[in-house]
Amino acid sequence: MNKNGQNLSCKIKILENGTILEFPYIYYPGYKITVNGNEVESFESENGFLAISLPEMSSSEVVVEYVGTNLMFVSKIISGMTLISIMIYEIYKKKIKGE
């Protein structure tokens, strides 16, 4: 297992079909989980953590990374545009007063 901040990767051996794997992250949208390179759907476990259900395999490499949500991406763009607009307005206002 290798855990670095919000990213985690590990190799596991699965014994039976329908194994539920629970990760040490509080369930929140925006996590991307891949098993052997294929993205799988996550859900909230009974304990409130991030979890996935795995099919029967002899061994797997699981990678968990936080990529954020589409809403977070749009919010960052709107915030950036607002900041740039305020800066342009302040520069324009100083030029008008200075003339």
PDB file of N, CA and C in Angstrom:
ATOM      1  N   MET A   1       0.837  -1.167   0.000  1.00  0.00           N
ATOM      2  CA  MET A   1       0.000   0.000   0.000  1.00  0.00           C
ATOM      3  C   MET A   1       0.890   1.241   0.000  1.00  0.00           C
ATOM      4  N   ASN A   2       0.475   2.242  -0.777  1.00  0.00           N
ATOM      5  CA  ASN A   2       1.182   3.510  -0.834  1.00  0.00           C
ATOM      6  C   ASN A   2       0.148   4.624  -0.729  1.00  0.00           C
ATOM      7  N   LYS A   3       0.209   5.411   0.355  1.00  0.00           N
ATOM      8  CA  LYS A   3      -0.739   6.505   0.562  1.00  0.00           C
ATOM      9  C   LYS A   3       0.022   7.812   0.572  1.00  0.00           C
ATOM     10  N   ASN A   4      -0.404   8.726  -0.309  1.00  0.00           N
ATOM     11  CA  ASN A   4       0.234  10.028  -0.405  1.00  0.00           C
ATOM     12  C   ASN A   4      -0.852  11.091  -0.453  1.00  0.00           C
ATOM     13  N   GLY A   5      -1.186  11.676   0.693  1.00  0.00           N
ATOM     14  CA  GLY A   5      -2.230  12.696   0.753  1.00  0.00           C
ATOM     15  C   GLY A   5      -3.582  12.097   0.411  1.00  0.00           C
ATOM     16  N   GLN A   6      -4.189  12.600  -0.672  1.00  0.00           N
ATOM     17  CA  GLN A   6      -5.502  12.111  -1.077  1.00  0.00           C
ATOM     18  C   GLN A   6      -5.405  10.967  -2.087  1.00  0.00           C
ATOM     19  N   ASN A   7      -4.207  10.549  -2.430  1.00  0.00           N
ATOM     20  CA  ASN A   7      -4.023   9.449  -3.382  1.00  0.00           C
ATOM     21  C   ASN A   7      -3.583   8.191  -2.646  1.00  0.00           C
ATOM     22  N   LEU A   8      -4.111   7.066  -3.079  1.00  0.00           N
ATOM     23  CA  LEU A   8      -3.775   5.788  -2.475  1.00  0.00           C
ATOM     24  C   LEU A   8      -3.668   4.747  -3.577  1.00  0.00           C
ATOM     25  N   SER A   9      -2.662   3.903  -3.505  1.00  0.00           N
ATOM     26  CA  SER A   9      -2.574   2.777  -4.427  1.00  0.00           C
ATOM     27  C   SER A   9      -2.169   1.545  -3.621  1.00  0.00           C
ATOM     28  N   CYS A  10      -2.721   0.405  -4.016  1.00  0.00           N
ATOM     29  CA  CYS A  10      -2.410  -0.827  -3.312  1.00  0.00           C
ATOM     30  C   CYS A  10      -2.651  -2.022  -4.219  1.00  0.00           C
ATOM     31  N   LYS A  11      -2.006  -3.112  -3.885  1.00  0.00           N
ATOM     32  CA  LYS A  11      -2.241  -4.387  -4.567  1.00  0.00           C
ATOM     33  C   LYS A  11      -2.922  -5.301  -3.564  1.00  0.00           C
ATOM     34  N   ILE A  12      -4.000  -5.941  -4.015  1.00  0.00           N
ATOM     35  CA  ILE A  12      -4.748  -6.809  -3.110  1.00  0.00           C
ATOM     36  C   ILE A  12      -5.036  -8.145  -3.771  1.00  0.00           C
ATOM     37  N   LYS A  13      -5.314  -9.117  -2.941  1.00  0.00           N
ATOM     38  CA  LYS A  13      -5.731 -10.437  -3.406  1.00  0.00           C
ATOM     39  C   LYS A  13      -7.165 -10.636  -2.943  1.00  0.00           C
ATOM     40  N   ILE A  14      -8.049 -10.886  -3.874  1.00  0.00           N
ATOM     41  CA  ILE A  14      -9.462 -11.039  -3.559  1.00  0.00           C
ATOM     42  C   ILE A  14      -9.793 -12.527  -3.499  1.00  0.00           C
ATOM     43  N   LEU A  15     -10.500 -12.914  -2.460  1.00  0.00           N
ATOM     44  CA  LEU A  15     -10.803 -14.315  -2.262  1.00  0.00           C
ATOM     45  C   LEU A  15     -12.149 -14.733  -2.826  1.00  0.00           C
ATOM     46  N   GLU A  16     -13.153 -13.859  -2.772  1.00  0.00           N
ATOM     47  CA  GLU A  16     -14.473 -14.261  -3.240  1.00  0.00           C
ATOM     48  C   GLU A  16     -15.172 -13.122  -3.960  1.00  0.00           C
ATOM     49  N   ASN A  17     -16.217 -13.460  -4.689  1.00  0.00           N
ATOM     50  CA  ASN A  17     -16.987 -12.489  -5.461  1.00  0.00           C
ATOM     51  C   ASN A  17     -17.782 -11.569  -4.530  1.00  0.00           C
ATOM     52  N   GLY A  18     -17.903 -10.283  -4.898  1.00  0.00           N
ATOM     53  CA  GLY A  18     -18.684  -9.333  -4.112  1.00  0.00           C
ATOM     54  C   GLY A  18     -17.967  -8.777  -2.904  1.00  0.00           C
ATOM     55  N   THR A  19     -16.651  -8.893  -2.876  1.00  0.00           N
ATOM     56  CA  THR A  19     -15.883  -8.342  -1.763  1.00  0.00           C
ATOM     57  C   THR A  19     -16.049  -6.832  -1.730  1.00  0.00           C
ATOM     58  N   ILE A  20     -16.341  -6.284  -0.569  1.00  0.00           N
ATOM     59  CA  ILE A  20     -16.471  -4.828  -0.416  1.00  0.00           C
ATOM     60  C   ILE A  20     -15.182  -4.314   0.212  1.00  0.00           C
ATOM     61  N   LEU A  21     -14.564  -3.386  -0.475  1.00  0.00           N
ATOM     62  CA  LEU A  21     -13.311  -2.797  -0.019  1.00  0.00           C
ATOM     63  C   LEU A  21     -13.593  -1.378   0.458  1.00  0.00           C
ATOM     64  N   GLU A  22     -13.274  -1.098   1.727  1.00  0.00           N
ATOM     65  CA  GLU A  22     -13.532   0.207   2.331  1.00  0.00           C
ATOM     66  C   GLU A  22     -12.203   0.952   2.461  1.00  0.00           C
ATOM     67  N   PHE A  23     -12.197   2.215   2.045  1.00  0.00           N
ATOM     68  CA  PHE A  23     -10.969   3.018   2.053  1.00  0.00           C
ATOM     69  C   PHE A  23     -10.967   4.006   3.212  1.00  0.00           C
ATOM     70  N   PRO A  24      -9.784   4.442   3.641  1.00  0.00           N
ATOM     71  CA  PRO A  24      -9.699   5.369   4.778  1.00  0.00           C
ATOM     72  C   PRO A  24     -10.000   6.816   4.394  1.00  0.00           C
ATOM     73  N   TYR A  25     -11.093   7.023   3.668  1.00  0.00           N
ATOM     74  CA  TYR A  25     -11.524   8.355   3.263  1.00  0.00           C
ATOM     75  C   TYR A  25     -13.007   8.502   3.582  1.00  0.00           C
ATOM     76  N   ILE A  26     -13.391   9.655   4.137  1.00  0.00           N
ATOM     77  CA  ILE A  26     -14.807   9.936   4.356  1.00  0.00           C
ATOM     78  C   ILE A  26     -15.457  10.033   2.982  1.00  0.00           C
ATOM     79  N   TYR A  27     -16.631   9.445   2.813  1.00  0.00           N
ATOM     80  CA  TYR A  27     -17.307   9.451   1.520  1.00  0.00           C
ATOM     81  C   TYR A  27     -17.615  10.879   1.086  1.00  0.00           C
ATOM     82  N   TYR A  28     -17.182  11.228  -0.112  1.00  0.00           N
ATOM     83  CA  TYR A  28     -17.429  12.544  -0.692  1.00  0.00           C
ATOM     84  C   TYR A  28     -17.306  12.409  -2.209  1.00  0.00           C
ATOM     85  N   PRO A  29     -18.194  13.038  -2.962  1.00  0.00           N
ATOM     86  CA  PRO A  29     -18.080  12.951  -4.420  1.00  0.00           C
ATOM     87  C   PRO A  29     -16.753  13.542  -4.905  1.00  0.00           C
ATOM     88  N   GLY A  30     -16.227  12.992  -5.971  1.00  0.00           N
ATOM     89  CA  GLY A  30     -15.002  13.524  -6.558  1.00  0.00           C
ATOM     90  C   GLY A  30     -13.841  12.549  -6.560  1.00  0.00           C
ATOM     91  N   TYR A  31     -13.997  11.399  -5.919  1.00  0.00           N
ATOM     92  CA  TYR A  31     -12.941  10.392  -5.938  1.00  0.00           C
ATOM     93  C   TYR A  31     -13.055   9.533  -7.187  1.00  0.00           C
ATOM     94  N   LYS A  32     -11.920   9.219  -7.783  1.00  0.00           N
ATOM     95  CA  LYS A  32     -11.864   8.330  -8.942  1.00  0.00           C
ATOM     96  C   LYS A  32     -11.115   7.074  -8.491  1.00  0.00           C
ATOM     97  N   ILE A  33     -11.759   5.918  -8.656  1.00  0.00           N
ATOM     98  CA  ILE A  33     -11.155   4.655  -8.239  1.00  0.00           C
ATOM     99  C   ILE A  33     -11.014   3.766  -9.463  1.00  0.00           C
ATOM    100  N   THR A  34      -9.807   3.267  -9.683  1.00  0.00           N
ATOM    101  CA  THR A  34      -9.572   2.349 -10.789  1.00  0.00           C
ATOM    102  C   THR A  34      -9.043   1.027 -10.241  1.00  0.00           C
ATOM    103  N   VAL A  35      -9.524  -0.053 -10.834  1.00  0.00           N
ATOM    104  CA  VAL A  35      -9.063  -1.399 -10.502  1.00  0.00           C
ATOM    105  C   VAL A  35      -8.502  -1.992 -11.784  1.00  0.00           C
ATOM    106  N   ASN A  36      -7.228  -2.290 -11.770  1.00  0.00           N
ATOM    107  CA  ASN A  36      -6.519  -2.804 -12.956  1.00  0.00           C
ATOM    108  C   ASN A  36      -6.735  -1.892 -14.175  1.00  0.00           C
ATOM    109  N   GLY A  37      -6.754  -0.579 -13.939  1.00  0.00           N
ATOM    110  CA  GLY A  37      -6.890   0.391 -15.023  1.00  0.00           C
ATOM    111  C   GLY A  37      -8.321   0.709 -15.436  1.00  0.00           C
ATOM    112  N   ASN A  38      -9.299   0.009 -14.896  1.00  0.00           N
ATOM    113  CA  ASN A  38     -10.707   0.254 -15.228  1.00  0.00           C
ATOM    114  C   ASN A  38     -11.384   1.002 -14.085  1.00  0.00           C
ATOM    115  N   GLU A  39     -12.093   2.100 -14.424  1.00  0.00           N
ATOM    116  CA  GLU A  39     -12.762   2.881 -13.395  1.00  0.00           C
ATOM    117  C   GLU A  39     -13.972   2.123 -12.857  1.00  0.00           C
ATOM    118  N   VAL A  40     -14.126   2.118 -11.521  1.00  0.00           N
ATOM    119  CA  VAL A  40     -15.264   1.466 -10.882  1.00  0.00           C
ATOM    120  C   VAL A  40     -16.057   2.494 -10.102  1.00  0.00           C
ATOM    121  N   GLU A  41     -17.338   2.198  -9.884  1.00  0.00           N
ATOM    122  CA  GLU A  41     -18.220   3.110  -9.174  1.00  0.00           C
ATOM    123  C   GLU A  41     -18.069   2.929  -7.669  1.00  0.00           C
ATOM    124  N   SER A  42     -17.979   4.049  -6.961  1.00  0.00           N
ATOM    125  CA  SER A  42     -17.836   3.993  -5.503  1.00  0.00           C
ATOM    126  C   SER A  42     -19.183   4.271  -4.834  1.00  0.00           C
ATOM    127  N   PHE A  43     -19.262   3.940  -3.559  1.00  0.00           N
ATOM    128  CA  PHE A  43     -20.466   4.200  -2.777  1.00  0.00           C
ATOM    129  C   PHE A  43     -20.060   4.429  -1.327  1.00  0.00           C
ATOM    130  N   GLU A  44     -21.025   4.872  -0.522  1.00  0.00           N
ATOM    131  CA  GLU A  44     -20.771   5.108   0.894  1.00  0.00           C
ATOM    132  C   GLU A  44     -20.990   3.811   1.667  1.00  0.00           C
ATOM    133  N   SER A  45     -20.003   3.420   2.464  1.00  0.00           N
ATOM    134  CA  SER A  45     -20.127   2.196   3.259  1.00  0.00           C
ATOM    135  C   SER A  45     -21.018   2.447   4.470  1.00  0.00           C
ATOM    136  N   GLU A  46     -21.300   1.398   5.217  1.00  0.00           N
ATOM    137  CA  GLU A  46     -22.130   1.517   6.424  1.00  0.00           C
ATOM    138  C   GLU A  46     -21.489   2.440   7.455  1.00  0.00           C
ATOM    139  N   ASN A  47     -20.171   2.553   7.406  1.00  0.00           N
ATOM    140  CA  ASN A  47     -19.435   3.379   8.370  1.00  0.00           C
ATOM    141  C   ASN A  47     -19.220   4.814   7.881  1.00  0.00           C
ATOM    142  N   GLY A  48     -19.729   5.138   6.690  1.00  0.00           N
ATOM    143  CA  GLY A  48     -19.585   6.491   6.157  1.00  0.00           C
ATOM    144  C   GLY A  48     -18.311   6.721   5.371  1.00  0.00           C
ATOM    145  N   PHE A  49     -17.601   5.650   5.033  1.00  0.00           N
ATOM    146  CA  PHE A  49     -16.363   5.773   4.281  1.00  0.00           C
ATOM    147  C   PHE A  49     -16.586   5.443   2.803  1.00  0.00           C
ATOM    148  N   LEU A  50     -15.596   5.742   1.997  1.00  0.00           N
ATOM    149  CA  LEU A  50     -15.610   5.437   0.577  1.00  0.00           C
ATOM    150  C   LEU A  50     -15.401   3.931   0.398  1.00  0.00           C
ATOM    151  N   ALA A  51     -16.210   3.288  -0.454  1.00  0.00           N
ATOM    152  CA  ALA A  51     -16.106   1.845  -0.627  1.00  0.00           C
ATOM    153  C   ALA A  51     -16.413   1.461  -2.069  1.00  0.00           C
ATOM    154  N   ILE A  52     -15.940   0.273  -2.463  1.00  0.00           N
ATOM    155  CA  ILE A  52     -16.255  -0.309  -3.772  1.00  0.00           C
ATOM    156  C   ILE A  52     -16.543  -1.789  -3.585  1.00  0.00           C
ATOM    157  N   SER A  53     -17.276  -2.348  -4.533  1.00  0.00           N
ATOM    158  CA  SER A  53     -17.545  -3.778  -4.549  1.00  0.00           C
ATOM    159  C   SER A  53     -16.740  -4.372  -5.693  1.00  0.00           C
ATOM    160  N   LEU A  54     -16.000  -5.428  -5.400  1.00  0.00           N
ATOM    161  CA  LEU A  54     -15.106  -6.011  -6.400  1.00  0.00           C
ATOM    162  C   LEU A  54     -15.564  -7.394  -6.828  1.00  0.00           C
ATOM    163  N   PRO A  55     -15.383  -7.709  -8.106  1.00  0.00           N
ATOM    164  CA  PRO A  55     -15.671  -9.071  -8.570  1.00  0.00           C
ATOM    165  C   PRO A  55     -14.534 -10.010  -8.162  1.00  0.00           C
ATOM    166  N   GLU A  56     -14.744 -11.293  -8.385  1.00  0.00           N
ATOM    167  CA  GLU A  56     -13.719 -12.280  -8.038  1.00  0.00           C
ATOM    168  C   GLU A  56     -12.525 -12.146  -8.977  1.00  0.00           C
ATOM    169  N   MET A  57     -11.354 -11.966  -8.402  1.00  0.00           N
ATOM    170  CA  MET A  57     -10.099 -11.872  -9.165  1.00  0.00           C
ATOM    171  C   MET A  57      -8.999 -12.491  -8.322  1.00  0.00           C
ATOM    172  N   SER A  58      -7.929 -12.908  -8.985  1.00  0.00           N
ATOM    173  CA  SER A  58      -6.829 -13.482  -8.216  1.00  0.00           C
ATOM    174  C   SER A  58      -6.005 -12.385  -7.552  1.00  0.00           C
ATOM    175  N   SER A  59      -5.809 -11.262  -8.248  1.00  0.00           N
ATOM    176  CA  SER A  59      -5.117 -10.124  -7.650  1.00  0.00           C
ATOM    177  C   SER A  59      -5.491  -8.869  -8.434  1.00  0.00           C
ATOM    178  N   SER A  60      -5.388  -7.736  -7.766  1.00  0.00           N
ATOM    179  CA  SER A  60      -5.788  -6.473  -8.389  1.00  0.00           C
ATOM    180  C   SER A  60      -4.895  -5.354  -7.912  1.00  0.00           C
ATOM    181  N   GLU A  61      -4.771  -4.339  -8.748  1.00  0.00           N
ATOM    182  CA  GLU A  61      -4.119  -3.102  -8.333  1.00  0.00           C
ATOM    183  C   GLU A  61      -5.197  -2.035  -8.274  1.00  0.00           C
ATOM    184  N   VAL A  62      -5.383  -1.463  -7.096  1.00  0.00           N
ATOM    185  CA  VAL A  62      -6.423  -0.461  -6.863  1.00  0.00           C
ATOM    186  C   VAL A  62      -5.759   0.898  -6.681  1.00  0.00           C
ATOM    187  N   VAL A  63      -6.278   1.904  -7.399  1.00  0.00           N
ATOM    188  CA  VAL A  63      -5.757   3.268  -7.281  1.00  0.00           C
ATOM    189  C   VAL A  63      -6.926   4.199  -6.969  1.00  0.00           C
ATOM    190  N   VAL A  64      -6.778   4.982  -5.895  1.00  0.00           N
ATOM    191  CA  VAL A  64      -7.787   5.955  -5.493  1.00  0.00           C
ATOM    192  C   VAL A  64      -7.148   7.332  -5.594  1.00  0.00           C
ATOM    193  N   GLU A  65      -7.802   8.242  -6.304  1.00  0.00           N
ATOM    194  CA  GLU A  65      -7.295   9.608  -6.390  1.00  0.00           C
ATOM    195  C   GLU A  65      -8.457  10.588  -6.383  1.00  0.00           C
ATOM    196  N   TYR A  66      -8.203  11.748  -5.816  1.00  0.00           N
ATOM    197  CA  TYR A  66      -9.246  12.766  -5.760  1.00  0.00           C
ATOM    198  C   TYR A  66      -9.075  13.687  -6.955  1.00  0.00           C
ATOM    199  N   VAL A  67     -10.097  13.749  -7.800  1.00  0.00           N
ATOM    200  CA  VAL A  67     -10.049  14.590  -8.997  1.00  0.00           C
ATOM    201  C   VAL A  67     -11.016  15.759  -8.901  1.00  0.00           C
ATOM    202  N   GLY A  68     -11.884  15.762  -7.916  1.00  0.00           N
ATOM    203  CA  GLY A  68     -12.857  16.840  -7.764  1.00  0.00           C
ATOM    204  C   GLY A  68     -14.107  16.566  -8.583  1.00  0.00           C
ATOM    205  N   THR A  69     -15.059  17.468  -8.451  1.00  0.00           N
ATOM    206  CA  THR A  69     -16.322  17.322  -9.168  1.00  0.00           C
ATOM    207  C   THR A  69     -16.418  18.380 -10.256  1.00  0.00           C
ATOM    208  N   ASN A  70     -17.372  18.224 -11.162  1.00  0.00           N
ATOM    209  CA  ASN A  70     -17.584  19.225 -12.213  1.00  0.00           C
ATOM    210  C   ASN A  70     -17.994  20.563 -11.615  1.00  0.00           C
ATOM    211  N   LEU A  71     -18.799  20.525 -10.564  1.00  0.00           N
ATOM    212  CA  LEU A  71     -19.229  21.758  -9.902  1.00  0.00           C
ATOM    213  C   LEU A  71     -18.029  22.506  -9.314  1.00  0.00           C
ATOM    214  N   MET A  72     -17.077  21.777  -8.757  1.00  0.00           N
ATOM    215  CA  MET A  72     -15.873  22.407  -8.210  1.00  0.00           C
ATOM    216  C   MET A  72     -15.066  23.077  -9.325  1.00  0.00           C
ATOM    217  N   PHE A  73     -14.953  22.419 -10.454  1.00  0.00           N
ATOM    218  CA  PHE A  73     -14.226  22.969 -11.597  1.00  0.00           C
ATOM    219  C   PHE A  73     -14.881  24.260 -12.090  1.00  0.00           C
ATOM    220  N   VAL A  74     -16.203  24.245 -12.241  1.00  0.00           N
ATOM    221  CA  VAL A  74     -16.935  25.435 -12.696  1.00  0.00           C
ATOM    222  C   VAL A  74     -16.785  26.561 -11.675  1.00  0.00           C
ATOM    223  N   SER A  75     -16.841  26.241 -10.393  1.00  0.00           N
ATOM    224  CA  SER A  75     -16.688  27.253  -9.342  1.00  0.00           C
ATOM    225  C   SER A  75     -15.324  27.923  -9.407  1.00  0.00           C
ATOM    226  N   LYS A  76     -14.285  27.157  -9.662  1.00  0.00           N
ATOM    227  CA  LYS A  76     -12.938  27.729  -9.780  1.00  0.00           C
ATOM    228  C   LYS A  76     -12.844  28.668 -10.978  1.00  0.00           C
ATOM    229  N   ILE A  77     -13.465  28.296 -12.090  1.00  0.00           N
ATOM    230  CA  ILE A  77     -13.450  29.162 -13.278  1.00  0.00           C
ATOM    231  C   ILE A  77     -14.188  30.473 -12.988  1.00  0.00           C
ATOM    232  N   ILE A  78     -15.354  30.394 -12.364  1.00  0.00           N
ATOM    233  CA  ILE A  78     -16.132  31.596 -12.038  1.00  0.00           C
ATOM    234  C   ILE A  78     -15.339  32.489 -11.076  1.00  0.00           C
ATOM    235  N   SER A  79     -14.690  31.896 -10.085  1.00  0.00           N
ATOM    236  CA  SER A  79     -13.891  32.678  -9.136  1.00  0.00           C
ATOM    237  C   SER A  79     -12.730  33.378  -9.840  1.00  0.00           C
ATOM    238  N   GLY A  80     -12.067  32.676 -10.735  1.00  0.00           N
ATOM    239  CA  GLY A  80     -10.967  33.277 -11.485  1.00  0.00           C
ATOM    240  C   GLY A  80     -11.425  34.428 -12.367  1.00  0.00           C
ATOM    241  N   MET A  81     -12.549  34.235 -13.046  1.00  0.00           N
ATOM    242  CA  MET A  81     -13.081  35.292 -13.903  1.00  0.00           C
ATOM    243  C   MET A  81     -13.488  36.513 -13.074  1.00  0.00           C
ATOM    244  N   THR A  82     -14.062  36.273 -11.896  1.00  0.00           N
ATOM    245  CA  THR A  82     -14.453  37.373 -11.012  1.00  0.00           C
ATOM    246  C   THR A  82     -13.229  38.149 -10.545  1.00  0.00           C
ATOM    247  N   LEU A  83     -12.183  37.441 -10.160  1.00  0.00           N
ATOM    248  CA  LEU A  83     -10.948  38.093  -9.720  1.00  0.00           C
ATOM    249  C   LEU A  83     -10.353  38.951 -10.834  1.00  0.00           C
ATOM    250  N   ILE A  84     -10.296  38.421 -12.030  1.00  0.00           N
ATOM    251  CA  ILE A  84      -9.763  39.179 -13.171  1.00  0.00           C
ATOM    252  C   ILE A  84     -10.638  40.399 -13.450  1.00  0.00           C
ATOM    253  N   SER A  85     -11.950  40.258 -13.374  1.00  0.00           N
ATOM    254  CA  SER A  85     -12.874  41.387 -13.597  1.00  0.00           C
ATOM    255  C   SER A  85     -12.658  42.495 -12.573  1.00  0.00           C
ATOM    256  N   ILE A  86     -12.484  42.129 -11.314  1.00  0.00           N
ATOM    257  CA  ILE A  86     -12.244  43.123 -10.259  1.00  0.00           C
ATOM    258  C   ILE A  86     -10.933  43.850 -10.515  1.00  0.00           C
ATOM    259  N   MET A  87      -9.904  43.106 -10.916  1.00  0.00           N
ATOM    260  CA  MET A  87      -8.614  43.734 -11.201  1.00  0.00           C
ATOM    261  C   MET A  87      -8.720  44.708 -12.379  1.00  0.00           C
ATOM    262  N   ILE A  88      -9.414  44.313 -13.426  1.00  0.00           N
ATOM    263  CA  ILE A  88      -9.603  45.190 -14.589  1.00  0.00           C
ATOM    264  C   ILE A  88     -10.401  46.429 -14.183  1.00  0.00           C
ATOM    265  N   TYR A  89     -11.427  46.259 -13.387  1.00  0.00           N
ATOM    266  CA  TYR A  89     -12.241  47.391 -12.930  1.00  0.00           C
ATOM    267  C   TYR A  89     -11.397  48.372 -12.117  1.00  0.00           C
ATOM    268  N   GLU A  90     -10.567  47.865 -11.210  1.00  0.00           N
ATOM    269  CA  GLU A  90      -9.725  48.736 -10.384  1.00  0.00           C
ATOM    270  C   GLU A  90      -8.707  49.498 -11.236  1.00  0.00           C
ATOM    271  N   ILE A  91      -8.116  48.836 -12.210  1.00  0.00           N
ATOM    272  CA  ILE A  91      -7.157  49.510 -13.113  1.00  0.00           C
ATOM    273  C   ILE A  91      -7.883  50.571 -13.919  1.00  0.00           C
ATOM    274  N   TYR A  92      -9.053  50.279 -14.432  1.00  0.00           N
ATOM    275  CA  TYR A  92      -9.845  51.233 -15.216  1.00  0.00           C
ATOM    276  C   TYR A  92     -10.230  52.429 -14.343  1.00  0.00           C
ATOM    277  N   LYS A  93     -10.639  52.182 -13.103  1.00  0.00           N
ATOM    278  CA  LYS A  93     -11.042  53.237 -12.190  1.00  0.00           C
ATOM    279  C   LYS A  93      -9.867  54.180 -11.872  1.00  0.00           C
ATOM    280  N   LYS A  94      -8.666  53.634 -11.697  1.00  0.00           N
ATOM    281  CA  LYS A  94      -7.480  54.452 -11.412  1.00  0.00           C
ATOM    282  C   LYS A  94      -7.113  55.307 -12.616  1.00  0.00           C
ATOM    283  N   LYS A  95      -7.255  54.771 -13.814  1.00  0.00           N
ATOM    284  CA  LYS A  95      -6.942  55.544 -15.021  1.00  0.00           C
ATOM    285  C   LYS A  95      -7.911  56.715 -15.179  1.00  0.00           C
ATOM    286  N   ILE A  96      -9.191  56.491 -14.906  1.00  0.00           N
ATOM    287  CA  ILE A  96     -10.199  57.551 -15.024  1.00  0.00           C
ATOM    288  C   ILE A  96      -9.912  58.655 -14.010  1.00  0.00           C
ATOM    289  N   LYS A  97      -9.593  58.289 -12.763  1.00  0.00           N
ATOM    290  CA  LYS A  97      -9.310  59.294 -11.726  1.00  0.00           C
ATOM    291  C   LYS A  97      -7.994  60.022 -12.016  1.00  0.00           C
ATOM    292  N   GLY A  98      -7.047  59.324 -12.626  1.00  0.00           N
ATOM    293  CA  GLY A  98      -5.740  59.912 -12.901  1.00  0.00           C
ATOM    294  C   GLY A  98      -5.760  60.872 -14.078  1.00  0.00           C
ATOM    295  N   GLU A  99      -6.753  60.791 -14.954  1.00  0.00           N
ATOM    296  CA  GLU A  99      -6.783  61.652 -16.136  1.00  0.00           C
ATOM    297  C   GLU A  99      -7.344  63.001 -15.852  1.00  0.00           C
TER     298      GLU A  99
END
